C-alpha atoms as a PDB file:
ATOM      1  CA  UNK A   1      43.484 200.929 143.155  1.00  0.00           C
ATOM      2  CA  UNK A   2      44.326 204.438 141.927  1.00  0.00           C
ATOM      3  CA  UNK A   3      41.024 205.855 143.110  1.00  0.00           C
ATOM      4  CA  UNK A   4      41.137 204.602 146.708  1.00  0.00           C
ATOM      5  CA  UNK A   5      41.862 208.015 148.224  1.00  0.00           C
ATOM      6  CA  UNK A   6      39.230 209.736 146.049  1.00  0.00           C
ATOM      7  CA  UNK A   7      36.629 207.086 146.897  1.00  0.00           C
ATOM      8  CA  UNK A   8      37.224 207.557 150.624  1.00  0.00           C
ATOM      9  CA  UNK A   9      36.756 211.314 150.245  1.00  0.00           C
ATOM     10  CA  UNK A  10      33.629 210.767 148.151  1.00  0.00           C
ATOM     11  CA  UNK A  11      32.279 208.531 150.917  1.00  0.00           C
ATOM     12  CA  UNK A  12      32.852 211.322 153.427  1.00  0.00           C
ATOM     13  CA  UNK A  13      30.964 213.800 151.253  1.00  0.00           C
ATOM     14  CA  UNK A  14      28.130 211.381 150.510  1.00  0.00           C
ATOM     15  CA  UNK A  15      27.838 210.548 154.209  1.00  0.00           C
ATOM     16  CA  UNK A  16      27.607 214.144 155.395  1.00  0.00           C
ATOM     17  CA  UNK A  17      25.973 216.027 152.510  1.00  0.00           C
ATOM     18  CA  UNK A  18      22.447 214.984 153.518  1.00  0.00           C
ATOM     19  CA  UNK A  19      22.978 216.850 156.801  1.00  0.00           C
ATOM     20  CA  UNK A  20      22.861 220.091 154.827  1.00  0.00           C
ATOM     21  CA  UNK A  21      19.426 219.306 153.435  1.00  0.00           C
ATOM     22  CA  UNK A  22      17.749 217.075 156.007  1.00  0.00           C
ATOM     23  CA  UNK A  23      18.721 219.127 159.059  1.00  0.00           C
ATOM     24  CA  UNK A  24      18.988 222.425 157.150  1.00  0.00           C
ATOM     25  CA  UNK A  25      22.378 223.232 158.644  1.00  0.00           C
ATOM     26  CA  UNK A  26      23.028 226.070 156.185  1.00  0.00           C
ATOM     27  CA  UNK A  27      26.750 225.369 156.022  1.00  0.00           C
ATOM     28  CA  UNK A  28      27.032 225.835 152.261  1.00  0.00           C
ATOM     29  CA  UNK A  29      24.705 228.840 152.336  1.00  0.00           C
ATOM     30  CA  UNK A  30      27.209 230.492 154.697  1.00  0.00           C
ATOM     31  CA  UNK A  31      30.131 229.804 152.368  1.00  0.00           C
ATOM     32  CA  UNK A  32      32.269 232.696 153.658  1.00  0.00           C
ATOM     33  CA  UNK A  33      32.148 231.246 157.155  1.00  0.00           C
ATOM     34  CA  UNK A  34      33.027 227.827 155.757  1.00  0.00           C
ATOM     35  CA  UNK A  35      36.009 229.319 153.934  1.00  0.00           C
ATOM     36  CA  UNK A  36      37.260 230.822 157.202  1.00  0.00           C
ATOM     37  CA  UNK A  37      37.367 227.279 158.572  1.00  0.00           C
ATOM     38  CA  UNK A  38      38.899 225.657 155.488  1.00  0.00           C
ATOM     39  CA  UNK A  39      41.469 228.133 154.120  1.00  0.00           C
ATOM     40  CA  UNK A  40      43.825 227.984 157.138  1.00  0.00           C
ATOM     41  CA  UNK A  41      43.784 224.179 156.954  1.00  0.00           C
ATOM     42  CA  UNK A  42      44.664 224.220 153.251  1.00  0.00           C
ATOM     43  CA  UNK A  43      47.441 226.782 153.692  1.00  0.00           C
ATOM     44  CA  UNK A  44      49.075 225.336 156.815  1.00  0.00           C
ATOM     45  CA  UNK A  45      48.818 221.636 156.061  1.00  0.00           C
ATOM     46  CA  UNK A  46      49.310 222.029 152.315  1.00  0.00           C
ATOM     47  CA  UNK A  47      52.552 223.886 152.970  1.00  0.00           C
ATOM     48  CA  UNK A  48      53.537 221.329 155.585  1.00  0.00           C
ATOM     49  CA  UNK A  49      53.000 218.458 153.146  1.00  0.00           C
ATOM     50  CA  UNK A  50      54.858 220.180 150.301  1.00  0.00           C
ATOM     51  CA  UNK A  51      57.846 220.799 152.580  1.00  0.00           C
ATOM     52  CA  UNK A  52      57.780 217.224 153.892  1.00  0.00           C
ATOM     53  CA  UNK A  53      57.602 215.849 150.345  1.00  0.00           C
ATOM     54  CA  UNK A  54      60.491 218.078 149.259  1.00  0.00           C
ATOM     55  CA  UNK A  55      62.573 216.893 152.243  1.00  0.00           C
ATOM     56  CA  UNK A  56      61.657 213.276 151.376  1.00  0.00           C
ATOM     57  CA  UNK A  57      60.117 212.778 154.816  1.00  0.00           C
ATOM     58  CA  UNK A  58      56.717 212.028 153.310  1.00  0.00           C
ATOM     59  CA  UNK A  59      55.402 210.293 150.227  1.00  0.00           C
ATOM     60  CA  UNK A  60      52.184 208.848 148.852  1.00  0.00           C
ATOM     61  CA  UNK A  61      51.687 205.337 147.584  1.00  0.00           C
ATOM     62  CA  UNK A  62      51.335 205.667 143.807  1.00  0.00           C
ATOM     63  CA  UNK A  63      48.986 202.671 143.797  1.00  0.00           C
ATOM     64  CA  UNK A  64      46.452 204.620 145.887  1.00  0.00           C
ATOM     65  CA  UNK A  65      46.370 207.970 144.089  1.00  0.00           C
ATOM     66  CA  UNK A  66      45.436 209.139 140.592  1.00  0.00           C
ATOM     67  CA  UNK A  67      48.869 210.525 139.809  1.00  0.00           C
ATOM     68  CA  UNK A  68      47.627 214.090 139.322  1.00  0.00           C
ATOM     69  CA  UNK A  69      50.015 216.326 141.220  1.00  0.00           C
ATOM     70  CA  UNK A  70      49.966 220.006 142.054  1.00  0.00           C
ATOM     71  CA  UNK A  71      52.968 222.301 142.490  1.00  0.00           C
ATOM     72  CA  UNK A  72      55.354 220.910 145.091  1.00  0.00           C
ATOM     73  CA  UNK A  73      54.399 217.367 144.006  1.00  0.00           C
ATOM     74  CA  UNK A  74      51.328 217.534 146.263  1.00  0.00           C
ATOM     75  CA  UNK A  75      48.827 214.917 145.105  1.00  0.00           C
ATOM     76  CA  UNK A  76      45.451 216.307 144.079  1.00  0.00           C
ATOM     77  CA  UNK A  77      43.817 213.959 146.568  1.00  0.00           C
ATOM     78  CA  UNK A  78      45.699 215.571 149.435  1.00  0.00           C
ATOM     79  CA  UNK A  79      44.383 219.015 148.514  1.00  0.00           C
ATOM     80  CA  UNK A  80      40.905 217.504 148.259  1.00  0.00           C
ATOM     81  CA  UNK A  81      41.399 215.984 151.718  1.00  0.00           C
ATOM     82  CA  UNK A  82      42.154 219.439 153.142  1.00  0.00           C
ATOM     83  CA  UNK A  83      38.941 220.747 151.565  1.00  0.00           C
ATOM     84  CA  UNK A  84      36.577 217.821 152.146  1.00  0.00           C
ATOM     85  CA  UNK A  85      37.381 216.779 155.713  1.00  0.00           C
ATOM     86  CA  UNK A  86      37.015 220.246 157.282  1.00  0.00           C
ATOM     87  CA  UNK A  87      33.767 220.797 155.335  1.00  0.00           C
ATOM     88  CA  UNK A  88      32.428 217.436 156.537  1.00  0.00           C
ATOM     89  CA  UNK A  89      33.497 218.293 160.076  1.00  0.00           C
ATOM     90  CA  UNK A  90      31.684 221.622 159.997  1.00  0.00           C
ATOM     91  CA  UNK A  91      28.586 219.918 158.565  1.00  0.00           C
ATOM     92  CA  UNK A  92      28.697 217.362 161.364  1.00  0.00           C
ATOM     93  CA  UNK A  93      29.147 220.029 164.032  1.00  0.00           C
ATOM     94  CA  UNK A  94      26.230 222.045 162.663  1.00  0.00           C
ATOM     95  CA  UNK A  95      24.094 218.898 162.519  1.00  0.00           C
ATOM     96  CA  UNK A  96      24.786 218.260 166.193  1.00  0.00           C
ATOM     97  CA  UNK A  97      23.988 221.886 166.931  1.00  0.00           C
ATOM     98  CA  UNK A  98      20.697 221.561 165.004  1.00  0.00           C
ATOM     99  CA  UNK A  99      19.681 218.448 166.930  1.00  0.00           C
ATOM    100  CA  UNK A 100      21.045 219.550 170.315  1.00  0.00           C
ATOM    101  CA  UNK A 101      20.762 223.356 170.399  1.00  0.00           C
ATOM    102  CA  UNK A 102      21.220 223.426 174.169  1.00  0.00           C
ATOM    103  CA  UNK A 103      24.725 221.909 173.932  1.00  0.00           C
ATOM    104  CA  UNK A 104      27.421 224.566 174.260  1.00  0.00           C
ATOM    105  CA  UNK A 105      30.274 224.365 171.756  1.00  0.00           C
ATOM    106  CA  UNK A 106      31.987 227.634 172.640  1.00  0.00           C
ATOM    107  CA  UNK A 107      31.021 230.014 169.843  1.00  0.00           C
ATOM    108  CA  UNK A 108      27.698 231.122 171.223  1.00  0.00           C
ATOM    109  CA  UNK A 109      27.019 234.809 171.883  1.00  0.00           C
ATOM    110  CA  UNK A 110      28.387 235.771 175.265  1.00  0.00           C
ATOM    111  CA  UNK A 111      30.489 232.606 175.550  1.00  0.00           C
ATOM    112  CA  UNK A 112      33.691 233.218 177.449  1.00  0.00           C
ATOM    113  CA  UNK A 113      36.954 231.821 176.172  1.00  0.00           C
END
């Protein structure tokens, strides 16, 4: 199935998107902060994948992807993975924070490293 990877990512988005509205996490409203979390993931792991593909250490099953590739032969789905999964993770973290505000996660004011 050529859409398997895309369908999994869509499931992740569909599963976490309600957190933005039901729990009012404000993740998408604070898009600059979200970008700070996502851009390093895209750059580091996108580069890593492109280099691994070029070295023939890594490949993707053509039966599972759409066939749309980006420069470096990076499948579109892999770029989407690097965008979707961190966004879903941040949504989940903010949902936990909304439901359990007393739980410390380390970025609170005055938190020591």
